[in-house]
């Protein structure tokens, strides 16, 4: 009988250790978002701001472009309809992204990066941004199906800080992502 209890104790210790190792490997994996995660898509989008501001600086264009922002909002509303999201939620989220982009562009003007030349045109970059927006909406739609909130890792937050975004801007952006809801019929 004592051998059975000792064997059971060893088995339970081994199972506990295995469970702990699986948990630790899972939690460390989740600390590094996948390349196609929402936070990495946002980071990619915000990284393009450096290229945009350099092109605008070279061409003498202002950071604020009212016509372009209207186009982006019109596309966002189209996406809201496609994914059946509440339009107001989507407009607030995209407006927050555009405001963050302007902050990053101003930051880049004050602190120009070492690499400043872009081989892309402003139109090509804007097309790339529109595609990233669409991917973000697809990911939000997928997360809604799982009924999971969308979080940001500390590593990504630090990268966004380095681009010129304050913690409160980043937190507000992720709060707005999680507030996007489906339209009510």
Protein backbone atom coordinates (compact mmCIF):
# COMPACT_ATOMS: atom_id res chain seq x y z
CA UNK A 1 0.00 0.00 0.00
CA UNK A 2 2.82 2.38 0.86
CA UNK A 3 4.42 1.78 -2.59
CA UNK A 4 1.16 2.71 -4.27
CA UNK A 5 0.92 5.99 -2.31
CA UNK A 6 4.58 6.80 -3.07
CA UNK A 7 4.01 6.03 -6.75
CA UNK A 8 0.88 8.21 -6.79
CA UNK A 9 2.74 11.06 -5.11
CA UNK A 10 5.55 10.82 -7.66
CA UNK A 11 3.03 10.75 -10.49
CA UNK A 12 1.18 13.77 -9.17
CA UNK A 13 4.46 15.67 -8.72
CA UNK A 14 5.49 14.81 -12.27
CA UNK A 15 2.08 15.87 -13.61
CA UNK A 16 2.26 19.12 -11.64
CA UNK A 17 5.72 19.86 -13.02
CA UNK A 18 4.61 19.08 -16.57
CA UNK A 19 1.54 21.27 -16.18
CA UNK A 20 3.69 24.09 -14.85
CA UNK A 21 6.14 23.76 -17.75
CA UNK A 22 3.31 23.81 -20.28
CA UNK A 23 1.80 26.87 -18.60
CA UNK A 24 5.15 28.68 -18.53
CA UNK A 25 5.88 27.91 -22.17
CA UNK A 26 2.38 29.06 -23.15
CA UNK A 27 2.61 32.28 -21.15
CA UNK A 28 6.03 33.13 -22.57
CA UNK A 29 4.72 32.41 -26.06
CA UNK A 30 1.81 34.77 -25.57
CA UNK A 31 4.21 37.52 -24.45
CA UNK A 32 5.48 37.61 -28.02
CA UNK A 33 2.55 38.37 -30.29
CA UNK A 34 2.30 36.61 -33.60
CA UNK A 35 3.35 38.60 -36.68
CA UNK A 36 -0.27 38.94 -37.75
CA UNK A 37 -1.59 40.01 -34.32
CA UNK A 38 -3.48 43.27 -33.97
CA UNK A 39 -0.70 44.84 -31.95
CA UNK A 40 1.90 43.93 -34.59
CA UNK A 41 -0.35 45.23 -37.35
CA UNK A 42 -0.70 48.51 -35.45
CA UNK A 43 3.06 48.62 -34.90
CA UNK A 44 3.62 48.07 -38.64
CA UNK A 45 1.13 50.81 -39.39
CA UNK A 46 2.78 53.24 -37.00
CA UNK A 47 6.26 52.37 -38.28
CA UNK A 48 5.17 53.61 -41.71
CA UNK A 49 4.62 57.09 -40.22
CA UNK A 50 8.37 57.70 -40.40
CA UNK A 51 8.33 57.11 -44.15
CA UNK A 52 5.25 59.27 -44.56
CA UNK A 53 6.67 62.23 -42.65
CA UNK A 54 9.92 62.03 -44.62
CA UNK A 55 8.04 62.17 -47.93
CA UNK A 56 5.87 65.02 -46.64
CA UNK A 57 8.98 66.88 -45.44
CA UNK A 58 10.70 66.44 -48.82
CA UNK A 59 7.62 67.65 -50.69
CA UNK A 60 6.80 70.47 -48.28
CA UNK A 61 3.44 68.92 -47.32
CA UNK A 62 1.71 69.51 -44.00
CA UNK A 63 1.28 66.64 -41.56
CA UNK A 64 -2.47 67.27 -41.34
CA UNK A 65 -4.26 66.43 -44.59
CA UNK A 66 -8.00 66.93 -44.16
CA UNK A 67 -8.91 65.37 -47.52
CA UNK A 68 -6.86 62.25 -46.79
CA UNK A 69 -8.38 61.88 -43.34
CA UNK A 70 -11.87 62.10 -44.85
CA UNK A 71 -10.94 59.31 -47.31
CA UNK A 72 -9.64 57.15 -44.47
CA UNK A 73 -12.83 57.69 -42.46
CA UNK A 74 -15.01 56.87 -45.50
CA UNK A 75 -13.06 53.61 -45.95
CA UNK A 76 -13.43 52.88 -42.23
CA UNK A 77 -17.20 53.32 -42.48
CA UNK A 78 -17.24 50.94 -45.46
CA UNK A 79 -15.30 48.41 -43.39
CA UNK A 80 -17.72 48.89 -40.50
CA UNK A 81 -20.58 48.00 -42.83
CA UNK A 82 -18.69 45.01 -44.26
CA UNK A 83 -17.96 43.58 -40.80
CA UNK A 84 -21.26 44.81 -39.36
CA UNK A 85 -19.44 46.89 -36.73
CA UNK A 86 -20.96 49.91 -35.07
CA UNK A 87 -19.87 52.82 -37.28
CA UNK A 88 -19.37 55.24 -34.39
CA UNK A 89 -17.02 52.79 -32.65
CA UNK A 90 -15.00 52.32 -35.84
CA UNK A 91 -14.78 56.05 -36.56
CA UNK A 92 -13.55 56.71 -33.00
CA UNK A 93 -10.94 53.95 -33.33
CA UNK A 94 -9.67 55.10 -36.75
CA UNK A 95 -9.66 58.73 -35.60
CA UNK A 96 -7.51 57.67 -32.66
CA UNK A 97 -5.13 55.89 -35.05
CA UNK A 98 -4.90 59.01 -37.24
CA UNK A 99 -4.24 61.21 -34.20
CA UNK A 100 -1.54 58.79 -33.06
CA UNK A 101 -0.01 58.89 -36.54
CA UNK A 102 0.13 62.69 -36.43
CA UNK A 103 1.86 62.55 -33.04
CA UNK A 104 4.39 60.07 -34.40
CA UNK A 105 4.97 62.23 -37.48
CA UNK A 106 5.56 65.31 -35.30
CA UNK A 107 7.91 63.25 -33.14
CA UNK A 108 9.83 62.15 -36.27
CA UNK A 109 10.16 65.76 -37.40
CA UNK A 110 11.77 66.62 -34.06
CA UNK A 111 13.80 63.39 -33.82
CA UNK A 112 14.57 62.22 -37.35
CA UNK A 113 15.67 58.57 -37.55
CA UNK A 114 19.01 57.59 -39.10
CA UNK A 115 17.38 55.98 -42.16
CA UNK A 116 15.27 58.63 -43.85
CA UNK A 117 14.87 57.72 -47.51
CA UNK A 118 11.86 55.80 -48.73
CA UNK A 119 11.65 54.21 -52.14
CA UNK A 120 7.86 54.16 -51.93
CA UNK A 121 5.52 56.92 -52.94
CA UNK A 122 3.04 58.49 -50.57
CA UNK A 123 0.25 56.81 -52.51
CA UNK A 124 1.89 53.37 -52.14
CA UNK A 125 2.30 53.83 -48.41
CA UNK A 126 -1.30 55.01 -48.04
CA UNK A 127 -2.45 51.92 -49.91
CA UNK A 128 -0.37 49.80 -47.54
CA UNK A 129 -1.96 51.57 -44.55
CA UNK A 130 -5.44 50.89 -45.93
CA UNK A 131 -4.59 47.19 -46.26
CA UNK A 132 -3.31 47.11 -42.68
CA UNK A 133 -6.56 48.74 -41.50
CA UNK A 134 -8.53 46.03 -43.26
CA UNK A 135 -6.40 43.30 -41.65
CA UNK A 136 -6.96 44.92 -38.24
CA UNK A 137 -10.73 44.86 -38.76
CA UNK A 138 -10.54 41.20 -39.82
CA UNK A 139 -8.63 40.39 -36.63
CA UNK A 140 -11.07 42.35 -34.47
CA UNK A 141 -13.95 40.44 -36.08
CA UNK A 142 -12.19 37.14 -35.37
CA UNK A 143 -11.53 38.14 -31.73
CA UNK A 144 -15.20 39.04 -31.31
CA UNK A 145 -16.11 35.51 -32.28
CA UNK A 146 -13.87 34.27 -29.48
CA UNK A 147 -15.27 36.86 -27.07
CA UNK A 148 -11.74 37.81 -26.02
CA UNK A 149 -10.39 41.24 -25.22
CA UNK A 150 -7.40 42.48 -27.16
CA UNK A 151 -4.34 43.35 -25.10
CA UNK A 152 -0.95 44.87 -25.78
CA UNK A 153 2.33 43.41 -24.60
CA UNK A 154 4.84 45.51 -22.70
CA UNK A 155 7.37 44.94 -25.50
CA UNK A 156 5.02 46.42 -28.11
CA UNK A 157 4.07 49.26 -25.78
CA UNK A 158 7.76 50.10 -25.39
CA UNK A 159 8.21 50.10 -29.19
CA UNK A 160 5.23 52.45 -29.57
CA UNK A 161 6.71 54.70 -26.86
CA UNK A 162 9.93 54.83 -28.88
CA UNK A 163 7.93 55.96 -31.90
CA UNK A 164 6.63 58.90 -29.88
CA UNK A 165 3.33 57.66 -28.42
CA UNK A 166 2.59 58.20 -24.74
CA UNK A 167 1.21 55.38 -22.60
CA UNK A 168 -2.19 57.09 -22.31
CA UNK A 169 -2.45 57.28 -26.15
CA UNK A 170 -1.64 53.57 -26.44
CA UNK A 171 -4.04 52.59 -23.66
CA UNK A 172 -6.81 54.69 -25.22
CA UNK A 173 -6.24 53.01 -28.59
CA UNK A 174 -6.59 49.51 -27.13
CA UNK A 175 -9.60 50.57 -25.08
CA UNK A 176 -11.25 51.77 -28.30
CA UNK A 177 -10.43 48.48 -30.04
CA UNK A 178 -12.18 46.57 -27.28
CA UNK A 179 -15.19 48.90 -27.45
CA UNK A 180 -15.95 48.08 -31.08
CA UNK A 181 -19.22 46.21 -31.15
CA UNK A 182 -21.38 44.62 -33.80
CA UNK A 183 -24.28 46.68 -35.10
CA UNK A 184 -27.57 46.01 -33.46
CA UNK A 185 -30.34 45.20 -35.96
